[in-house]
Amino acid sequence: MHRILVSNDDGVYASGLQAAAKSVQGLGDVTVAAPSGQMSGVGRSISVFEPLRYAEVNLNGFKAYAVTGTPVDSVIIGIFAILKELPDLVVSGINVGENISTDTVTTSGTIGAALEAASYGISSIAASIQAVDQGDKFDMHHGSKHSFEVATKVLRRVAIKVLKHGLPEGVDLLNLNVPVNATEDTEIVVTRLARKIFRTTVQERFDPRGRPYYWIDGDLICCGEEGTDVQTIYQDKKISITPLSLDSTARIDFKQIENLF
């Protein structure tokens, strides 16, 4: 029987996590290990200066564990302390808020969890749904405000094929993003990462004592080059799957770098 580990960055009680677990239910022995609280935007950070704990929680029939750490911590604890063996598949999500472009690949806790699993040679999938209200991305997501129905079905279809065939050589994980109002008939497009999704700005404000403090902010870039995940989600309103690799080495002639020294 396949061993499947499910994690996320929205927290162990998030509705999207239950949807992800449901998406792979019946495909193998499913174990859930996720952060005990909201951990969006922490990327692939890992706790190396403090101990970690986990506790079993009730998650509608799934074996679930709340981990006092980051999404990466949850995957590590899930593999090496709970399962004590490598799973055949790791699913991270379903995240509220699209994870598209190079901006999010390097900051998303959802993708960070999948990257960690991929580093051990485990086939991994990160799954997210589009959030129109940007504030929704950082809520606790315990309720049923968002619909995960389409994402759950698409994720299951992809998971079945990945369990059966594995990932192509050179692909470490798949980044799945489902736009608002997608249906089961919405086209699925294989995309590449757009360069940016945010126009970064900084807001300066002042506390009651007149001291400045700052919020990092920024508007969304609503379109991108043809074939990118940003274009596919925002303009084409189609489902995006981006194959990702852990190897970030630039594909250039190394002599161009040797010329620098």
C-alpha atoms as a PDB file:
ATOM      1  CA  MET A   1       0.000   0.000   0.000  1.00  0.00           C
ATOM      2  CA  HIS A   2       1.200   3.489  -0.824  1.00  0.00           C
ATOM      3  CA  ARG A   3       2.236   5.745   2.038  1.00  0.00           C
ATOM      4  CA  ILE A   4       1.031   9.335   1.622  1.00  0.00           C
ATOM      5  CA  LEU A   5       1.931  12.309   3.808  1.00  0.00           C
ATOM      6  CA  VAL A   6      -0.194  15.465   3.707  1.00  0.00           C
ATOM      7  CA  SER A   7       0.930  18.838   5.064  1.00  0.00           C
ATOM      8  CA  ASN A   8       0.319  22.565   4.556  1.00  0.00           C
ATOM      9  CA  ASP A   9       1.195  26.048   5.826  1.00  0.00           C
ATOM     10  CA  ASP A  10      -2.297  27.264   6.836  1.00  0.00           C
ATOM     11  CA  GLY A  11      -2.353  25.055   9.934  1.00  0.00           C
ATOM     12  CA  VAL A  12      -3.604  21.636  10.902  1.00  0.00           C
ATOM     13  CA  TYR A  13      -7.225  22.740  11.296  1.00  0.00           C
ATOM     14  CA  ALA A  14      -7.452  24.510   7.927  1.00  0.00           C
ATOM     15  CA  SER A  15     -10.256  23.393   5.624  1.00  0.00           C
ATOM     16  CA  GLY A  16      -7.818  23.123   2.730  1.00  0.00           C
ATOM     17  CA  LEU A  17      -5.753  20.545   4.583  1.00  0.00           C
ATOM     18  CA  GLN A  18      -8.804  18.362   5.069  1.00  0.00           C
ATOM     19  CA  ALA A  19      -9.597  18.797   1.378  1.00  0.00           C
ATOM     20  CA  ALA A  20      -6.067  17.676   0.469  1.00  0.00           C
ATOM     21  CA  ALA A  21      -6.363  14.616   2.689  1.00  0.00           C
ATOM     22  CA  LYS A  22      -9.723  13.827   1.123  1.00  0.00           C
ATOM     23  CA  SER A  23      -8.214  14.136  -2.352  1.00  0.00           C
ATOM     24  CA  VAL A  24      -5.870  11.197  -1.720  1.00  0.00           C
ATOM     25  CA  GLN A  25      -8.202   9.186   0.510  1.00  0.00           C
ATOM     26  CA  GLY A  26      -8.287   5.567  -0.645  1.00  0.00           C
ATOM     27  CA  LEU A  27      -5.071   5.878  -2.662  1.00  0.00           C
ATOM     28  CA  GLY A  28      -2.969   4.605   0.234  1.00  0.00           C
ATOM     29  CA  ASP A  29      -2.322   4.993   3.942  1.00  0.00           C
ATOM     30  CA  VAL A  30      -2.777   8.733   4.547  1.00  0.00           C
ATOM     31  CA  THR A  31      -1.030  10.548   7.409  1.00  0.00           C
ATOM     32  CA  VAL A  32      -1.390  14.269   8.091  1.00  0.00           C
ATOM     33  CA  ALA A  33       1.382  16.293   9.766  1.00  0.00           C
ATOM     34  CA  ALA A  34       0.971  20.069   9.665  1.00  0.00           C
ATOM     35  CA  PRO A  35       1.838  23.191  11.661  1.00  0.00           C
ATOM     36  CA  SER A  36      -0.233  23.778  14.767  1.00  0.00           C
ATOM     37  CA  GLY A  37      -0.962  27.349  13.584  1.00  0.00           C
ATOM     38  CA  GLN A  38      -0.893  29.676  10.581  1.00  0.00           C
ATOM     39  CA  MET A  39       2.545  29.604   8.898  1.00  0.00           C
ATOM     40  CA  SER A  40       2.049  31.306   5.542  1.00  0.00           C
ATOM     41  CA  GLY A  41       5.041  32.987   3.944  1.00  0.00           C
ATOM     42  CA  VAL A  42       7.772  31.179   5.872  1.00  0.00           C
ATOM     43  CA  GLY A  43       9.130  29.444   2.775  1.00  0.00           C
ATOM     44  CA  ARG A  44      11.480  26.579   3.510  1.00  0.00           C
ATOM     45  CA  SER A  45      12.512  27.823   6.941  1.00  0.00           C
ATOM     46  CA  ILE A  46      13.436  25.180   9.500  1.00  0.00           C
ATOM     47  CA  SER A  47      13.638  25.247  13.300  1.00  0.00           C
ATOM     48  CA  VAL A  48      17.210  24.524  14.332  1.00  0.00           C
ATOM     49  CA  PHE A  49      17.416  26.544  17.551  1.00  0.00           C
ATOM     50  CA  GLU A  50      14.386  25.196  19.393  1.00  0.00           C
ATOM     51  CA  PRO A  51      12.905  21.747  20.069  1.00  0.00           C
ATOM     52  CA  LEU A  52       9.757  20.557  18.318  1.00  0.00           C
ATOM     53  CA  ARG A  53       6.744  18.694  19.637  1.00  0.00           C
ATOM     54  CA  TYR A  54       3.758  17.084  17.987  1.00  0.00           C
ATOM     55  CA  ALA A  55       0.342  16.009  19.228  1.00  0.00           C
ATOM     56  CA  GLU A  56      -2.318  13.810  17.687  1.00  0.00           C
ATOM     57  CA  VAL A  57      -5.495  15.672  16.755  1.00  0.00           C
ATOM     58  CA  ASN A  58      -8.945  14.709  15.475  1.00  0.00           C
ATOM     59  CA  LEU A  59      -9.234  15.494  11.778  1.00  0.00           C
ATOM     60  CA  ASN A  60     -12.387  13.803  10.552  1.00  0.00           C
ATOM     61  CA  GLY A  61     -11.038  10.287  10.548  1.00  0.00           C
ATOM     62  CA  PHE A  62      -7.527  10.962   9.271  1.00  0.00           C
ATOM     63  CA  LYS A  63      -4.414  10.211  11.312  1.00  0.00           C
ATOM     64  CA  ALA A  64      -3.351  13.787  11.959  1.00  0.00           C
ATOM     65  CA  TYR A  65      -0.614  15.452  13.974  1.00  0.00           C
ATOM     66  CA  ALA A  66      -0.117  19.102  14.915  1.00  0.00           C
ATOM     67  CA  VAL A  67       3.559  20.104  14.865  1.00  0.00           C
ATOM     68  CA  THR A  68       4.887  23.104  16.794  1.00  0.00           C
ATOM     69  CA  GLY A  69       6.952  24.412  13.909  1.00  0.00           C
ATOM     70  CA  THR A  70       7.078  25.406  10.254  1.00  0.00           C
ATOM     71  CA  PRO A  71       5.704  23.485   7.262  1.00  0.00           C
ATOM     72  CA  VAL A  72       9.194  22.093   6.638  1.00  0.00           C
ATOM     73  CA  ASP A  73       9.411  21.053  10.291  1.00  0.00           C
ATOM     74  CA  SER A  74       6.073  19.283   9.866  1.00  0.00           C
ATOM     75  CA  VAL A  75       7.319  17.307   6.881  1.00  0.00           C
ATOM     76  CA  ILE A  76      10.535  16.362   8.657  1.00  0.00           C
ATOM     77  CA  ILE A  77       8.697  15.283  11.818  1.00  0.00           C
ATOM     78  CA  GLY A  78       6.103  13.489   9.709  1.00  0.00           C
ATOM     79  CA  ILE A  79       8.711  11.474   7.849  1.00  0.00           C
ATOM     80  CA  PHE A  80      11.359  10.811  10.488  1.00  0.00           C
ATOM     81  CA  ALA A  81       9.434  10.817  13.792  1.00  0.00           C
ATOM     82  CA  ILE A  82       5.899   9.694  12.894  1.00  0.00           C
ATOM     83  CA  LEU A  83       6.104   7.513   9.775  1.00  0.00           C
ATOM     84  CA  LYS A  84       9.756   6.629  10.347  1.00  0.00           C
ATOM     85  CA  GLU A  85      10.071   5.817   6.652  1.00  0.00           C
ATOM     86  CA  LEU A  86       9.899   7.701   3.371  1.00  0.00           C
ATOM     87  CA  PRO A  87       6.376   8.036   1.962  1.00  0.00           C
ATOM     88  CA  ASP A  88       5.615   7.461  -1.695  1.00  0.00           C
ATOM     89  CA  LEU A  89       3.938  10.853  -2.093  1.00  0.00           C
ATOM     90  CA  VAL A  90       3.766  14.139  -0.221  1.00  0.00           C
ATOM     91  CA  VAL A  91       0.886  16.543  -0.857  1.00  0.00           C
ATOM     92  CA  SER A  92       1.124  20.093   0.482  1.00  0.00           C
ATOM     93  CA  GLY A  93      -2.015  22.268   0.585  1.00  0.00           C
ATOM     94  CA  ILE A  94      -4.654  22.938  -0.431  1.00  0.00           C
ATOM     95  CA  ASN A  95      -3.511  26.507   0.172  1.00  0.00           C
ATOM     96  CA  VAL A  96      -5.871  29.483   0.178  1.00  0.00           C
ATOM     97  CA  GLY A  97      -4.102  31.883  -2.160  1.00  0.00           C
ATOM     98  CA  GLU A  98      -2.414  31.140  -5.463  1.00  0.00           C
ATOM     99  CA  ASN A  99       1.285  30.284  -5.327  1.00  0.00           C
ATOM    100  CA  ILE A 100       2.548  31.454  -8.688  1.00  0.00           C
ATOM    101  CA  SER A 101       5.714  33.134 -10.036  1.00  0.00           C
ATOM    102  CA  THR A 102       9.223  33.107  -8.621  1.00  0.00           C
ATOM    103  CA  ASP A 103       8.030  35.476  -5.874  1.00  0.00           C
ATOM    104  CA  THR A 104       5.940  32.786  -4.200  1.00  0.00           C
ATOM    105  CA  VAL A 105       8.059  29.745  -4.992  1.00  0.00           C
ATOM    106  CA  THR A 106      10.778  31.108  -2.709  1.00  0.00           C
ATOM    107  CA  THR A 107       8.447  32.355   0.056  1.00  0.00           C
ATOM    108  CA  SER A 108       5.470  29.995   0.167  1.00  0.00           C
ATOM    109  CA  GLY A 109       5.333  27.616   3.099  1.00  0.00           C
ATOM    110  CA  THR A 110       3.122  25.358   1.002  1.00  0.00           C
ATOM    111  CA  ILE A 111       5.808  24.983  -1.641  1.00  0.00           C
ATOM    112  CA  GLY A 112       8.512  24.917   1.030  1.00  0.00           C
ATOM    113  CA  ALA A 113       6.977  21.758   2.507  1.00  0.00           C
ATOM    114  CA  ALA A 114       6.849  20.113  -0.913  1.00  0.00           C
ATOM    115  CA  LEU A 115      10.444  21.135  -1.655  1.00  0.00           C
ATOM    116  CA  GLU A 116      11.603  19.560   1.584  1.00  0.00           C
ATOM    117  CA  ALA A 117       9.934  16.275   0.719  1.00  0.00           C
ATOM    118  CA  ALA A 118      11.335  16.408  -2.808  1.00  0.00           C
ATOM    119  CA  SER A 119      14.848  16.783  -1.402  1.00  0.00           C
ATOM    120  CA  TYR A 120      14.562  13.185  -0.149  1.00  0.00           C
ATOM    121  CA  GLY A 121      13.521  11.925  -3.569  1.00  0.00           C
ATOM    122  CA  ILE A 122       9.816  11.817  -2.724  1.00  0.00           C
ATOM    123  CA  SER A 123       7.320  12.702  -5.456  1.00  0.00           C
ATOM    124  CA  SER A 124       5.590  15.861  -4.242  1.00  0.00           C
ATOM    125  CA  ILE A 125       2.653  18.082  -5.180  1.00  0.00           C
ATOM    126  CA  ALA A 126       1.894  21.581  -3.903  1.00  0.00           C
ATOM    127  CA  ALA A 127      -1.724  22.649  -4.452  1.00  0.00           C
ATOM    128  CA  SER A 128      -3.375  26.071  -4.101  1.00  0.00           C
ATOM    129  CA  ILE A 129      -6.580  27.887  -5.004  1.00  0.00           C
ATOM    130  CA  GLN A 130      -6.804  31.519  -6.064  1.00  0.00           C
ATOM    131  CA  ALA A 131      -7.905  34.048  -3.449  1.00  0.00           C
ATOM    132  CA  VAL A 132      -9.443  37.236  -4.827  1.00  0.00           C
ATOM    133  CA  ASP A 133      -9.196  38.986  -1.455  1.00  0.00           C
ATOM    134  CA  GLN A 134      -5.483  39.087  -0.632  1.00  0.00           C
ATOM    135  CA  GLY A 135      -6.298  39.270   3.082  1.00  0.00           C
ATOM    136  CA  ASP A 136      -7.784  35.782   2.863  1.00  0.00           C
ATOM    137  CA  LYS A 137      -4.309  34.347   2.358  1.00  0.00           C
ATOM    138  CA  PHE A 138      -3.372  34.949   5.979  1.00  0.00           C
ATOM    139  CA  ASP A 139      -6.581  33.990   7.793  1.00  0.00           C
ATOM    140  CA  MET A 140      -6.833  30.828   9.883  1.00  0.00           C
ATOM    141  CA  HIS A 141      -9.131  29.117   7.309  1.00  0.00           C
ATOM    142  CA  HIS A 142     -11.070  26.994   9.775  1.00  0.00           C
ATOM    143  CA  GLY A 143     -14.415  27.715   8.133  1.00  0.00           C
ATOM    144  CA  SER A 144     -15.986  26.866   4.816  1.00  0.00           C
ATOM    145  CA  LYS A 145     -15.690  30.229   3.067  1.00  0.00           C
ATOM    146  CA  HIS A 146     -13.717  28.792   0.158  1.00  0.00           C
ATOM    147  CA  SER A 147     -14.658  25.930  -2.134  1.00  0.00           C
ATOM    148  CA  PHE A 148     -12.017  23.257  -2.639  1.00  0.00           C
ATOM    149  CA  GLU A 149     -14.218  20.954  -4.702  1.00  0.00           C
ATOM    150  CA  VAL A 150     -12.545  21.437  -8.087  1.00  0.00           C
ATOM    151  CA  ALA A 151      -9.023  21.564  -6.652  1.00  0.00           C
ATOM    152  CA  THR A 152      -9.684  18.350  -4.718  1.00  0.00           C
ATOM    153  CA  LYS A 153     -10.778  16.500  -7.842  1.00  0.00           C
ATOM    154  CA  VAL A 154      -7.905  17.792  -9.980  1.00  0.00           C
ATOM    155  CA  LEU A 155      -5.391  17.042  -7.232  1.00  0.00           C
ATOM    156  CA  ARG A 156      -6.701  13.491  -6.966  1.00  0.00           C
ATOM    157  CA  ARG A 157      -6.353  12.973 -10.727  1.00  0.00           C
ATOM    158  CA  VAL A 158      -2.760  14.190 -10.641  1.00  0.00           C
ATOM    159  CA  ALA A 159      -1.909  12.201  -7.494  1.00  0.00           C
ATOM    160  CA  ILE A 160      -3.168   8.963  -9.066  1.00  0.00           C
ATOM    161  CA  LYS A 161      -0.906   9.444 -12.093  1.00  0.00           C
ATOM    162  CA  VAL A 162       2.106  10.460  -9.980  1.00  0.00           C
ATOM    163  CA  LEU A 163       1.723   7.409  -7.731  1.00  0.00           C
ATOM    164  CA  LYS A 164       1.467   5.172 -10.779  1.00  0.00           C
ATOM    165  CA  HIS A 165       4.180   6.658 -12.985  1.00  0.00           C
ATOM    166  CA  GLY A 166       6.289   8.919 -10.743  1.00  0.00           C
ATOM    167  CA  LEU A 167       7.553  12.280 -11.965  1.00  0.00           C
ATOM    168  CA  PRO A 168       9.580  12.777 -15.141  1.00  0.00           C
ATOM    169  CA  GLU A 169      13.350  12.940 -14.794  1.00  0.00           C
ATOM    170  CA  GLY A 170      14.418  16.428 -13.794  1.00  0.00           C
ATOM    171  CA  VAL A 171      11.081  17.234 -12.136  1.00  0.00           C
ATOM    172  CA  ASP A 172      11.070  17.242  -8.323  1.00  0.00           C
ATOM    173  CA  LEU A 173       7.560  18.519  -7.653  1.00  0.00           C
ATOM    174  CA  LEU A 174       4.419  19.820  -9.316  1.00  0.00           C
ATOM    175  CA  ASN A 175       2.922  23.179  -8.403  1.00  0.00           C
ATOM    176  CA  LEU A 176      -0.846  23.074  -8.986  1.00  0.00           C
ATOM    177  CA  ASN A 177      -2.927  26.274  -8.955  1.00  0.00           C
ATOM    178  CA  VAL A 178      -6.678  26.476  -9.514  1.00  0.00           C
ATOM    179  CA  PRO A 179      -8.320  29.801 -10.449  1.00  0.00           C
ATOM    180  CA  VAL A 180     -11.520  31.196  -9.012  1.00  0.00           C
ATOM    181  CA  ASN A 181     -14.677  29.823 -10.669  1.00  0.00           C
ATOM    182  CA  ALA A 182     -12.853  26.863 -12.213  1.00  0.00           C
ATOM    183  CA  THR A 183     -14.976  23.827 -13.025  1.00  0.00           C
ATOM    184  CA  GLU A 184     -14.166  20.188 -13.688  1.00  0.00           C
ATOM    185  CA  ASP A 185     -14.092  21.076 -17.393  1.00  0.00           C
ATOM    186  CA  THR A 186     -11.589  23.923 -17.017  1.00  0.00           C
ATOM    187  CA  GLU A 187      -8.491  23.296 -19.119  1.00  0.00           C
ATOM    188  CA  ILE A 188      -5.280  22.299 -17.338  1.00  0.00           C
ATOM    189  CA  VAL A 189      -2.155  23.941 -18.755  1.00  0.00           C
ATOM    190  CA  VAL A 190       1.488  23.081 -18.081  1.00  0.00           C
ATOM    191  CA  THR A 191       3.206  26.405 -17.408  1.00  0.00           C
ATOM    192  CA  ARG A 192       6.496  27.999 -16.465  1.00  0.00           C
ATOM    193  CA  LEU A 193       7.046  30.415 -13.602  1.00  0.00           C
ATOM    194  CA  ALA A 194       6.498  34.108 -14.246  1.00  0.00           C
ATOM    195  CA  ARG A 195       9.266  36.356 -12.972  1.00  0.00           C
ATOM    196  CA  LYS A 196       7.112  38.459 -10.633  1.00  0.00           C
ATOM    197  CA  ILE A 197       3.628  38.620  -9.181  1.00  0.00           C
ATOM    198  CA  PHE A 198       4.008  41.586  -6.807  1.00  0.00           C
ATOM    199  CA  ARG A 199       5.008  45.222  -7.304  1.00  0.00           C
ATOM    200  CA  THR A 200       6.658  45.613  -3.928  1.00  0.00           C
ATOM    201  CA  THR A 201       6.018  48.764  -1.905  1.00  0.00           C
ATOM    202  CA  VAL A 202       6.612  49.781   1.711  1.00  0.00           C
ATOM    203  CA  GLN A 203       4.061  51.690   3.791  1.00  0.00           C
ATOM    204  CA  GLU A 204       5.406  53.917   6.549  1.00  0.00           C
ATOM    205  CA  ARG A 205       3.156  54.442   9.569  1.00  0.00           C
ATOM    206  CA  PHE A 206       3.610  55.841  13.041  1.00  0.00           C
ATOM    207  CA  ASP A 207       2.850  54.363  16.443  1.00  0.00           C
ATOM    208  CA  PRO A 208       1.177  56.402  19.251  1.00  0.00           C
ATOM    209  CA  ARG A 209       4.630  57.665  20.322  1.00  0.00           C
ATOM    210  CA  GLY A 210       5.434  58.971  16.854  1.00  0.00           C
ATOM    211  CA  ARG A 211       7.945  56.269  16.012  1.00  0.00           C
ATOM    212  CA  PRO A 212       7.833  54.932  12.450  1.00  0.00           C
ATOM    213  CA  TYR A 213       7.069  51.336  11.568  1.00  0.00           C
ATOM    214  CA  TYR A 214       6.639  49.681   8.194  1.00  0.00           C
ATOM    215  CA  TRP A 215       4.367  47.289   6.322  1.00  0.00           C
ATOM    216  CA  ILE A 216       5.708  45.509   3.256  1.00  0.00           C
ATOM    217  CA  ASP A 217       2.932  45.698   0.695  1.00  0.00           C
ATOM    218  CA  GLY A 218       2.419  45.596  -3.038  1.00  0.00           C
ATOM    219  CA  ASP A 219      -0.106  45.368  -5.855  1.00  0.00           C
ATOM    220  CA  LEU A 220      -0.541  42.208  -7.871  1.00  0.00           C
ATOM    221  CA  ILE A 221       0.806  42.054 -11.384  1.00  0.00           C
ATOM    222  CA  CYS A 222      -2.311  40.845 -13.156  1.00  0.00           C
ATOM    223  CA  CYS A 223      -0.751  39.481 -16.323  1.00  0.00           C
ATOM    224  CA  GLY A 224       2.470  37.947 -17.542  1.00  0.00           C
ATOM    225  CA  GLU A 225       4.130  36.475 -20.590  1.00  0.00           C
ATOM    226  CA  GLU A 226       2.306  33.817 -22.562  1.00  0.00           C
ATOM    227  CA  GLY A 227       2.827  30.365 -21.100  1.00  0.00           C
ATOM    228  CA  THR A 228       3.484  31.564 -17.550  1.00  0.00           C
ATOM    229  CA  ASP A 229       1.506  30.583 -14.475  1.00  0.00           C
ATOM    230  CA  VAL A 230       0.491  34.216 -13.836  1.00  0.00           C
ATOM    231  CA  GLN A 231      -0.941  34.589 -17.350  1.00  0.00           C
ATOM    232  CA  THR A 232      -2.715  31.247 -17.121  1.00  0.00           C
ATOM    233  CA  ILE A 233      -4.394  31.956 -13.783  1.00  0.00           C
ATOM    234  CA  TYR A 234      -5.190  35.671 -14.063  1.00  0.00           C
ATOM    235  CA  GLN A 235      -5.858  36.199 -17.753  1.00  0.00           C
ATOM    236  CA  ASP A 236      -6.740  32.814 -19.223  1.00  0.00           C
ATOM    237  CA  LYS A 237      -8.631  31.584 -16.127  1.00  0.00           C
ATOM    238  CA  LYS A 238      -7.207  28.087 -16.602  1.00  0.00           C
ATOM    239  CA  ILE A 239      -5.686  25.604 -14.168  1.00  0.00           C
ATOM    240  CA  SER A 240      -1.887  25.796 -13.989  1.00  0.00           C
ATOM    241  CA  ILE A 241       0.559  22.985 -13.306  1.00  0.00           C
ATOM    242  CA  THR A 242       4.213  24.030 -13.158  1.00  0.00           C
ATOM    243  CA  PRO A 243       6.956  21.382 -12.963  1.00  0.00           C
ATOM    244  CA  LEU A 244       9.647  22.541 -10.536  1.00  0.00           C
ATOM    245  CA  SER A 245      13.202  21.443  -9.857  1.00  0.00           C
ATOM    246  CA  LEU A 246      15.307  21.746  -6.735  1.00  0.00           C
ATOM    247  CA  ASP A 247      18.348  22.555  -8.866  1.00  0.00           C
ATOM    248  CA  SER A 248      18.471  26.344  -9.156  1.00  0.00           C
ATOM    249  CA  THR A 249      21.744  26.376 -11.081  1.00  0.00           C
ATOM    250  CA  ALA A 250      21.582  28.857 -13.967  1.00  0.00           C
ATOM    251  CA  ARG A 251      21.548  27.132 -17.364  1.00  0.00           C
ATOM    252  CA  ILE A 252      24.410  29.063 -18.942  1.00  0.00           C
ATOM    253  CA  ASP A 253      27.881  28.510 -20.295  1.00  0.00           C
ATOM    254  CA  PHE A 254      30.000  28.584 -17.118  1.00  0.00           C
ATOM    255  CA  LYS A 255      32.746  30.373 -19.034  1.00  0.00           C
ATOM    256  CA  GLN A 256      30.610  33.528 -18.755  1.00  0.00           C
ATOM    257  CA  ILE A 257      31.075  33.369 -14.990  1.00  0.00           C
ATOM    258  CA  GLU A 258      34.728  32.367 -15.215  1.00  0.00           C
ATOM    259  CA  ASN A 259      35.317  35.563 -17.166  1.00  0.00           C
ATOM    260  CA  LEU A 260      34.318  37.530 -14.056  1.00  0.00           C
ATOM    261  CA  PHE A 261      37.403  36.338 -12.203  1.00  0.00           C
END
